[in-house]
Amino acid sequence: MNSIDKVKSISVWIFIIPFISINTCLLIVTNFHQILQPGVPIFPTFPYLDGGVSISRTVRDFPLYLIFKPAMFITSYLLVRYWLNTKNIINFFNNNYVHTKKIIFFGVSSAVLLTIHSIFLGIKFDNDLYKLFRRVVMLSFIIFELIAQAYLIKFFYDIKEKLENYIKPIYLTIKRILITFLITISIITLPFLPFDNFKFLKHAIEWNVFLGVIIFYLLTFLMWKKTTS
């Protein structure tokens, strides 16, 4: 089916583009910050482990957002295409699936939220309400992504017998483990978000959850077999 090939090709770019852009910004900000931002101390860090810097702090300043923003706009567009083609796949296997609208709503909405977050990234406005708005948008993006992905995995398990000729089951299993882990970590972390005492832990979790979300799409690329029609 054509939509499977489209999802397969789109999903790998949903992983590659954010991964390269965000880690390029990380390398630049940790190695050249004294040139880009004189007087602003950022020490050598690997935030996936030590949480030394947040994603927002890494990508929000000029010229770094010139790398990150276009990458996120492209990723948002690809996400919309991914979820719309996923709808075609769902309808192909079960035209009356009860959760189809939920999957597409949360999937497409996550793309819209990522676009909104990218638009406001780098705009400095010293207002607590504005800062809260940006955090809520980013948090909502993660939540909506996890909900859409969880529903989609449930659908695949519901029709697993029909997928034998279309997928490599090992990757579906890995996706299930990944999404369960991400949801568990997110739920555990949620109560600690308002407190600054856990700043480094929150930053590390932020980086790893974001990485986990895009790895889901890499696994999608690996899961689907190439179709002949």
C-alpha atoms as a PDB file:
ATOM      1  CA  MET A   1       0.000   0.000   0.000  1.00  0.00           C
ATOM      2  CA  ASN A   2       1.286   3.431  -0.991  1.00  0.00           C
ATOM      3  CA  SER A   3       0.623   5.016   2.417  1.00  0.00           C
ATOM      4  CA  ILE A   4       2.911   2.486   4.100  1.00  0.00           C
ATOM      5  CA  ASP A   5       5.822   3.479   1.849  1.00  0.00           C
ATOM      6  CA  LYS A   6       5.064   7.146   2.507  1.00  0.00           C
ATOM      7  CA  VAL A   7       4.977   6.635   6.275  1.00  0.00           C
ATOM      8  CA  LYS A   8       8.220   4.668   6.068  1.00  0.00           C
ATOM      9  CA  SER A   9      10.054   7.418   4.178  1.00  0.00           C
ATOM     10  CA  ILE A  10       8.548  10.303   6.174  1.00  0.00           C
ATOM     11  CA  SER A  11       9.260   8.753   9.570  1.00  0.00           C
ATOM     12  CA  VAL A  12      13.009   8.472   9.052  1.00  0.00           C
ATOM     13  CA  TRP A  13      13.207  12.212   8.313  1.00  0.00           C
ATOM     14  CA  ILE A  14      11.138  12.999  11.408  1.00  0.00           C
ATOM     15  CA  PHE A  15      14.001  11.382  13.314  1.00  0.00           C
ATOM     16  CA  ILE A  16      16.960  12.714  11.322  1.00  0.00           C
ATOM     17  CA  ILE A  17      16.008  16.409  11.070  1.00  0.00           C
ATOM     18  CA  PRO A  18      15.349  17.122  14.787  1.00  0.00           C
ATOM     19  CA  PHE A  19      18.247  14.911  15.895  1.00  0.00           C
ATOM     20  CA  ILE A  20      20.809  16.656  13.716  1.00  0.00           C
ATOM     21  CA  SER A  21      19.498  20.182  14.319  1.00  0.00           C
ATOM     22  CA  ILE A  22      19.270  19.998  18.107  1.00  0.00           C
ATOM     23  CA  ASN A  23      22.631  18.283  18.543  1.00  0.00           C
ATOM     24  CA  THR A  24      24.302  20.702  16.125  1.00  0.00           C
ATOM     25  CA  CYS A  25      23.006  23.551  18.285  1.00  0.00           C
ATOM     26  CA  LEU A  26      24.288  21.742  21.377  1.00  0.00           C
ATOM     27  CA  LEU A  27      27.775  21.365  19.907  1.00  0.00           C
ATOM     28  CA  ILE A  28      27.852  25.027  18.877  1.00  0.00           C
ATOM     29  CA  VAL A  29      26.583  26.424  22.183  1.00  0.00           C
ATOM     30  CA  THR A  30      28.952  24.317  24.292  1.00  0.00           C
ATOM     31  CA  ASN A  31      32.048  25.028  22.177  1.00  0.00           C
ATOM     32  CA  PHE A  32      31.527  28.582  20.908  1.00  0.00           C
ATOM     33  CA  HIS A  33      29.247  30.186  23.520  1.00  0.00           C
ATOM     34  CA  GLN A  34      31.867  32.773  24.527  1.00  0.00           C
ATOM     35  CA  ILE A  35      31.788  34.100  20.959  1.00  0.00           C
ATOM     36  CA  LEU A  36      28.028  33.905  20.529  1.00  0.00           C
ATOM     37  CA  GLN A  37      27.054  34.928  24.064  1.00  0.00           C
ATOM     38  CA  PRO A  38      29.941  36.723  25.819  1.00  0.00           C
ATOM     39  CA  GLY A  39      29.712  36.621  29.593  1.00  0.00           C
ATOM     40  CA  VAL A  40      27.120  33.840  29.683  1.00  0.00           C
ATOM     41  CA  PRO A  41      28.768  30.789  31.264  1.00  0.00           C
ATOM     42  CA  ILE A  42      27.930  27.393  29.796  1.00  0.00           C
ATOM     43  CA  PHE A  43      30.208  24.617  30.876  1.00  0.00           C
ATOM     44  CA  PRO A  44      31.029  21.496  28.844  1.00  0.00           C
ATOM     45  CA  THR A  45      28.010  19.270  29.196  1.00  0.00           C
ATOM     46  CA  PHE A  46      26.344  16.163  27.870  1.00  0.00           C
ATOM     47  CA  PRO A  47      22.790  17.026  28.925  1.00  0.00           C
ATOM     48  CA  TYR A  48      21.409  13.572  28.165  1.00  0.00           C
ATOM     49  CA  LEU A  49      23.307  12.477  31.291  1.00  0.00           C
ATOM     50  CA  ASP A  50      24.079  15.530  33.429  1.00  0.00           C
ATOM     51  CA  GLY A  51      21.228  17.882  32.488  1.00  0.00           C
ATOM     52  CA  GLY A  52      23.700  20.742  32.285  1.00  0.00           C
ATOM     53  CA  VAL A  53      21.547  22.808  29.926  1.00  0.00           C
ATOM     54  CA  SER A  54      17.922  22.733  28.785  1.00  0.00           C
ATOM     55  CA  ILE A  55      16.813  22.286  25.180  1.00  0.00           C
ATOM     56  CA  SER A  56      15.306  25.780  25.189  1.00  0.00           C
ATOM     57  CA  ARG A  57      18.528  27.338  26.496  1.00  0.00           C
ATOM     58  CA  THR A  58      20.458  25.500  23.778  1.00  0.00           C
ATOM     59  CA  VAL A  59      18.431  26.610  20.765  1.00  0.00           C
ATOM     60  CA  ARG A  60      16.652  29.881  21.617  1.00  0.00           C
ATOM     61  CA  ASP A  61      19.392  32.487  20.979  1.00  0.00           C
ATOM     62  CA  PHE A  62      20.680  33.927  17.693  1.00  0.00           C
ATOM     63  CA  PRO A  63      22.037  32.421  15.477  1.00  0.00           C
ATOM     64  CA  LEU A  64      21.122  28.989  16.860  1.00  0.00           C
ATOM     65  CA  TYR A  65      17.406  29.387  16.334  1.00  0.00           C
ATOM     66  CA  LEU A  66      18.161  29.916  12.626  1.00  0.00           C
ATOM     67  CA  ILE A  67      19.131  26.247  12.622  1.00  0.00           C
ATOM     68  CA  PHE A  68      16.484  24.938  14.974  1.00  0.00           C
ATOM     69  CA  LYS A  69      13.377  26.851  13.874  1.00  0.00           C
ATOM     70  CA  PRO A  70      13.402  25.830  10.182  1.00  0.00           C
ATOM     71  CA  ALA A  71      14.119  22.256  11.237  1.00  0.00           C
ATOM     72  CA  MET A  72      11.078  22.257  13.527  1.00  0.00           C
ATOM     73  CA  PHE A  73       8.836  23.805  10.866  1.00  0.00           C
ATOM     74  CA  ILE A  74       9.861  21.060   8.439  1.00  0.00           C
ATOM     75  CA  THR A  75       9.364  18.429  11.148  1.00  0.00           C
ATOM     76  CA  SER A  76       5.872  19.790  11.908  1.00  0.00           C
ATOM     77  CA  TYR A  77       4.930  19.527   8.238  1.00  0.00           C
ATOM     78  CA  LEU A  78       6.272  15.977   8.082  1.00  0.00           C
ATOM     79  CA  LEU A  79       4.351  15.064  11.247  1.00  0.00           C
ATOM     80  CA  VAL A  80       1.083  16.190   9.671  1.00  0.00           C
ATOM     81  CA  ARG A  81       1.816  14.107   6.571  1.00  0.00           C
ATOM     82  CA  TYR A  82       2.819  11.161   8.742  1.00  0.00           C
ATOM     83  CA  TRP A  83      -0.405  11.133  10.747  1.00  0.00           C
ATOM     84  CA  LEU A  84      -2.644  11.676   7.712  1.00  0.00           C
ATOM     85  CA  ASN A  85      -1.004   8.750   5.929  1.00  0.00           C
ATOM     86  CA  THR A  86      -1.283   6.749   9.142  1.00  0.00           C
ATOM     87  CA  LYS A  87      -5.026   7.393   9.003  1.00  0.00           C
ATOM     88  CA  ASN A  88      -5.082   5.772   5.551  1.00  0.00           C
ATOM     89  CA  ILE A  89      -3.243   2.743   6.944  1.00  0.00           C
ATOM     90  CA  ILE A  90      -5.683   2.430   9.848  1.00  0.00           C
ATOM     91  CA  ASN A  91      -8.660   2.643   7.475  1.00  0.00           C
ATOM     92  CA  PHE A  92      -7.091   0.046   5.192  1.00  0.00           C
ATOM     93  CA  PHE A  93      -6.910  -2.522   7.991  1.00  0.00           C
ATOM     94  CA  ASN A  94     -10.030  -1.461   9.926  1.00  0.00           C
ATOM     95  CA  ASN A  95     -12.255   1.190   8.403  1.00  0.00           C
ATOM     96  CA  ASN A  96     -14.380   1.446  11.554  1.00  0.00           C
ATOM     97  CA  TYR A  97     -11.665   1.579  14.217  1.00  0.00           C
ATOM     98  CA  VAL A  98     -13.091   3.385  17.229  1.00  0.00           C
ATOM     99  CA  HIS A  99      -9.951   5.391  18.110  1.00  0.00           C
ATOM    100  CA  THR A 100      -8.984   6.646  14.638  1.00  0.00           C
ATOM    101  CA  LYS A 101     -10.163  10.224  15.271  1.00  0.00           C
ATOM    102  CA  LYS A 102      -8.297  10.347  18.592  1.00  0.00           C
ATOM    103  CA  ILE A 103      -5.067   9.155  16.993  1.00  0.00           C
ATOM    104  CA  ILE A 104      -5.222  11.726  14.221  1.00  0.00           C
ATOM    105  CA  PHE A 105      -6.372  14.536  16.523  1.00  0.00           C
ATOM    106  CA  PHE A 106      -3.532  14.093  18.997  1.00  0.00           C
ATOM    107  CA  GLY A 107      -0.962  13.409  16.248  1.00  0.00           C
ATOM    108  CA  VAL A 108      -1.804  16.441  14.100  1.00  0.00           C
ATOM    109  CA  SER A 109      -2.291  18.641  17.180  1.00  0.00           C
ATOM    110  CA  SER A 110       1.214  17.741  18.351  1.00  0.00           C
ATOM    111  CA  ALA A 111       2.538  19.055  15.025  1.00  0.00           C
ATOM    112  CA  VAL A 112       0.579  22.294  15.469  1.00  0.00           C
ATOM    113  CA  LEU A 113       1.936  22.695  19.017  1.00  0.00           C
ATOM    114  CA  LEU A 114       5.499  22.158  17.771  1.00  0.00           C
ATOM    115  CA  THR A 115       4.937  24.912  15.191  1.00  0.00           C
ATOM    116  CA  ILE A 116       3.598  27.293  17.852  1.00  0.00           C
ATOM    117  CA  HIS A 117       6.554  26.548  20.116  1.00  0.00           C
ATOM    118  CA  SER A 118       8.986  27.195  17.249  1.00  0.00           C
ATOM    119  CA  ILE A 119       7.334  30.516  16.347  1.00  0.00           C
ATOM    120  CA  PHE A 120       7.748  31.893  19.855  1.00  0.00           C
ATOM    121  CA  LEU A 121      11.211  30.446  20.367  1.00  0.00           C
ATOM    122  CA  GLY A 122      13.814  33.196  20.709  1.00  0.00           C
ATOM    123  CA  ILE A 123      11.235  35.923  21.371  1.00  0.00           C
ATOM    124  CA  LYS A 124      12.235  37.417  24.699  1.00  0.00           C
ATOM    125  CA  PHE A 125       9.426  38.814  26.781  1.00  0.00           C
ATOM    126  CA  ASP A 126       9.934  39.181  30.545  1.00  0.00           C
ATOM    127  CA  ASN A 127       6.539  38.035  31.673  1.00  0.00           C
ATOM    128  CA  ASP A 128       5.746  35.021  33.860  1.00  0.00           C
ATOM    129  CA  LEU A 129       2.523  34.283  31.964  1.00  0.00           C
ATOM    130  CA  TYR A 130       4.381  34.247  28.650  1.00  0.00           C
ATOM    131  CA  LYS A 131       7.044  31.903  30.059  1.00  0.00           C
ATOM    132  CA  LEU A 132       4.319  29.626  31.411  1.00  0.00           C
ATOM    133  CA  PHE A 133       2.614  29.650  28.010  1.00  0.00           C
ATOM    134  CA  ARG A 134       5.797  28.457  26.274  1.00  0.00           C
ATOM    135  CA  ARG A 135       6.320  25.682  28.813  1.00  0.00           C
ATOM    136  CA  VAL A 136       2.718  24.527  28.545  1.00  0.00           C
ATOM    137  CA  VAL A 137       2.949  24.433  24.739  1.00  0.00           C
ATOM    138  CA  MET A 138       6.124  22.321  24.809  1.00  0.00           C
ATOM    139  CA  LEU A 139       4.748  20.029  27.502  1.00  0.00           C
ATOM    140  CA  SER A 140       1.494  19.644  25.559  1.00  0.00           C
ATOM    141  CA  PHE A 141       3.468  18.699  22.434  1.00  0.00           C
ATOM    142  CA  ILE A 142       5.125  15.840  24.325  1.00  0.00           C
ATOM    143  CA  ILE A 143       1.846  14.707  25.930  1.00  0.00           C
ATOM    144  CA  PHE A 144      -0.079  14.761  22.647  1.00  0.00           C
ATOM    145  CA  GLU A 145       2.706  12.849  20.894  1.00  0.00           C
ATOM    146  CA  LEU A 146       2.752  10.162  23.574  1.00  0.00           C
ATOM    147  CA  ILE A 147      -1.044   9.802  23.528  1.00  0.00           C
ATOM    148  CA  ALA A 148      -1.154   9.480  19.721  1.00  0.00           C
ATOM    149  CA  GLN A 149       1.688   6.987  19.694  1.00  0.00           C
ATOM    150  CA  ALA A 150       0.182   4.916  22.529  1.00  0.00           C
ATOM    151  CA  TYR A 151      -3.184   4.678  20.749  1.00  0.00           C
ATOM    152  CA  LEU A 152      -1.433   3.734  17.503  1.00  0.00           C
ATOM    153  CA  ILE A 153       0.525   0.934  19.155  1.00  0.00           C
ATOM    154  CA  LYS A 154      -2.705  -0.351  20.707  1.00  0.00           C
ATOM    155  CA  PHE A 155      -4.252  -0.433  17.242  1.00  0.00           C
ATOM    156  CA  PHE A 156      -1.319  -2.384  15.825  1.00  0.00           C
ATOM    157  CA  TYR A 157      -1.578  -4.952  18.608  1.00  0.00           C
ATOM    158  CA  ASP A 158      -5.327  -5.231  18.037  1.00  0.00           C
ATOM    159  CA  ILE A 159      -4.713  -6.237  14.395  1.00  0.00           C
ATOM    160  CA  LYS A 160      -1.333  -7.899  14.817  1.00  0.00           C
ATOM    161  CA  GLU A 161      -2.359 -11.010  12.848  1.00  0.00           C
ATOM    162  CA  LYS A 162      -3.216  -8.874   9.809  1.00  0.00           C
ATOM    163  CA  LEU A 163       0.191  -7.179   9.895  1.00  0.00           C
ATOM    164  CA  GLU A 164       2.328 -10.302   9.488  1.00  0.00           C
ATOM    165  CA  ASN A 165       3.191  -9.515   5.858  1.00  0.00           C
ATOM    166  CA  TYR A 166       3.664  -5.795   6.449  1.00  0.00           C
ATOM    167  CA  ILE A 167       5.856  -5.342   9.541  1.00  0.00           C
ATOM    168  CA  LYS A 168       8.848  -6.747  11.400  1.00  0.00           C
ATOM    169  CA  PRO A 169       7.249  -7.627  14.770  1.00  0.00           C
ATOM    170  CA  ILE A 170      10.408  -7.081  16.836  1.00  0.00           C
ATOM    171  CA  TYR A 171      10.258  -3.342  16.161  1.00  0.00           C
ATOM    172  CA  LEU A 172       6.614  -3.161  17.224  1.00  0.00           C
ATOM    173  CA  THR A 173       7.619  -4.776  20.510  1.00  0.00           C
ATOM    174  CA  ILE A 174      10.468  -2.277  20.963  1.00  0.00           C
ATOM    175  CA  LYS A 175       8.071   0.606  20.219  1.00  0.00           C
ATOM    176  CA  ARG A 176       5.694  -0.679  22.877  1.00  0.00           C
ATOM    177  CA  ILE A 177       8.480  -0.867  25.452  1.00  0.00           C
ATOM    178  CA  LEU A 178       9.723   2.608  24.467  1.00  0.00           C
ATOM    179  CA  ILE A 179       6.332   4.315  24.691  1.00  0.00           C
ATOM    180  CA  THR A 180       5.574   2.601  28.024  1.00  0.00           C
ATOM    181  CA  PHE A 181       8.888   3.839  29.395  1.00  0.00           C
ATOM    182  CA  LEU A 182       8.355   7.403  28.123  1.00  0.00           C
ATOM    183  CA  ILE A 183       4.838   7.625  29.566  1.00  0.00           C
ATOM    184  CA  THR A 184       6.019   6.241  32.915  1.00  0.00           C
ATOM    185  CA  ILE A 185       8.924   8.690  33.133  1.00  0.00           C
ATOM    186  CA  SER A 186       6.683  11.599  32.143  1.00  0.00           C
ATOM    187  CA  ILE A 187       4.095  10.753  34.807  1.00  0.00           C
ATOM    188  CA  ILE A 188       6.774  10.386  37.489  1.00  0.00           C
ATOM    189  CA  THR A 189       8.423  13.678  36.484  1.00  0.00           C
ATOM    190  CA  LEU A 190       5.237  15.769  36.227  1.00  0.00           C
ATOM    191  CA  PRO A 191       4.910  16.630  39.967  1.00  0.00           C
ATOM    192  CA  PHE A 192       8.503  17.926  40.059  1.00  0.00           C
ATOM    193  CA  LEU A 193       8.189  20.364  37.147  1.00  0.00           C
ATOM    194  CA  PRO A 194       7.246  23.448  39.227  1.00  0.00           C
ATOM    195  CA  PHE A 195      10.299  23.117  41.499  1.00  0.00           C
ATOM    196  CA  ASP A 196      13.733  24.546  40.623  1.00  0.00           C
ATOM    197  CA  ASN A 197      15.548  22.197  43.020  1.00  0.00           C
ATOM    198  CA  PHE A 198      15.416  19.433  40.412  1.00  0.00           C
ATOM    199  CA  LYS A 199      16.616  21.573  37.501  1.00  0.00           C
ATOM    200  CA  PHE A 200      19.404  19.283  36.277  1.00  0.00           C
ATOM    201  CA  LEU A 201      17.267  16.170  36.591  1.00  0.00           C
ATOM    202  CA  LYS A 202      14.439  17.836  34.655  1.00  0.00           C
ATOM    203  CA  HIS A 203      16.829  18.939  31.916  1.00  0.00           C
ATOM    204  CA  ALA A 204      18.232  15.400  31.539  1.00  0.00           C
ATOM    205  CA  ILE A 205      14.735  13.931  31.389  1.00  0.00           C
ATOM    206  CA  GLU A 206      13.696  16.598  28.868  1.00  0.00           C
ATOM    207  CA  TRP A 207      16.537  15.664  26.504  1.00  0.00           C
ATOM    208  CA  ASN A 208      15.917  11.942  26.825  1.00  0.00           C
ATOM    209  CA  VAL A 209      12.139  12.145  26.428  1.00  0.00           C
ATOM    210  CA  PHE A 210      12.561  14.269  23.303  1.00  0.00           C
ATOM    211  CA  LEU A 211      15.087  11.743  21.990  1.00  0.00           C
ATOM    212  CA  GLY A 212      12.703   8.907  22.804  1.00  0.00           C
ATOM    213  CA  VAL A 213       9.843  10.608  20.951  1.00  0.00           C
ATOM    214  CA  ILE A 214      11.840  10.916  17.732  1.00  0.00           C
ATOM    215  CA  ILE A 215      13.336   7.419  18.099  1.00  0.00           C
ATOM    216  CA  PHE A 216       9.731   6.199  17.900  1.00  0.00           C
ATOM    217  CA  TYR A 217       9.738   7.404  14.279  1.00  0.00           C
ATOM    218  CA  LEU A 218      13.059   5.738  13.527  1.00  0.00           C
ATOM    219  CA  LEU A 219      11.526   2.495  14.795  1.00  0.00           C
ATOM    220  CA  THR A 220       8.537   3.131  12.524  1.00  0.00           C
ATOM    221  CA  PHE A 221      10.911   3.307   9.556  1.00  0.00           C
ATOM    222  CA  LEU A 222      12.534   0.045  10.626  1.00  0.00           C
ATOM    223  CA  MET A 223       9.226  -1.672  11.418  1.00  0.00           C
ATOM    224  CA  TRP A 224       7.425  -1.364   8.085  1.00  0.00           C
ATOM    225  CA  LYS A 225       8.443  -3.601   5.220  1.00  0.00           C
ATOM    226  CA  LYS A 226       8.646  -2.028   1.788  1.00  0.00           C
ATOM    227  CA  THR A 227       5.464  -2.766  -0.154  1.00  0.00           C
ATOM    228  CA  THR A 228       5.275  -3.673  -3.817  1.00  0.00           C
ATOM    229  CA  SER A 229       2.107  -1.759  -4.641  1.00  0.00           C
END
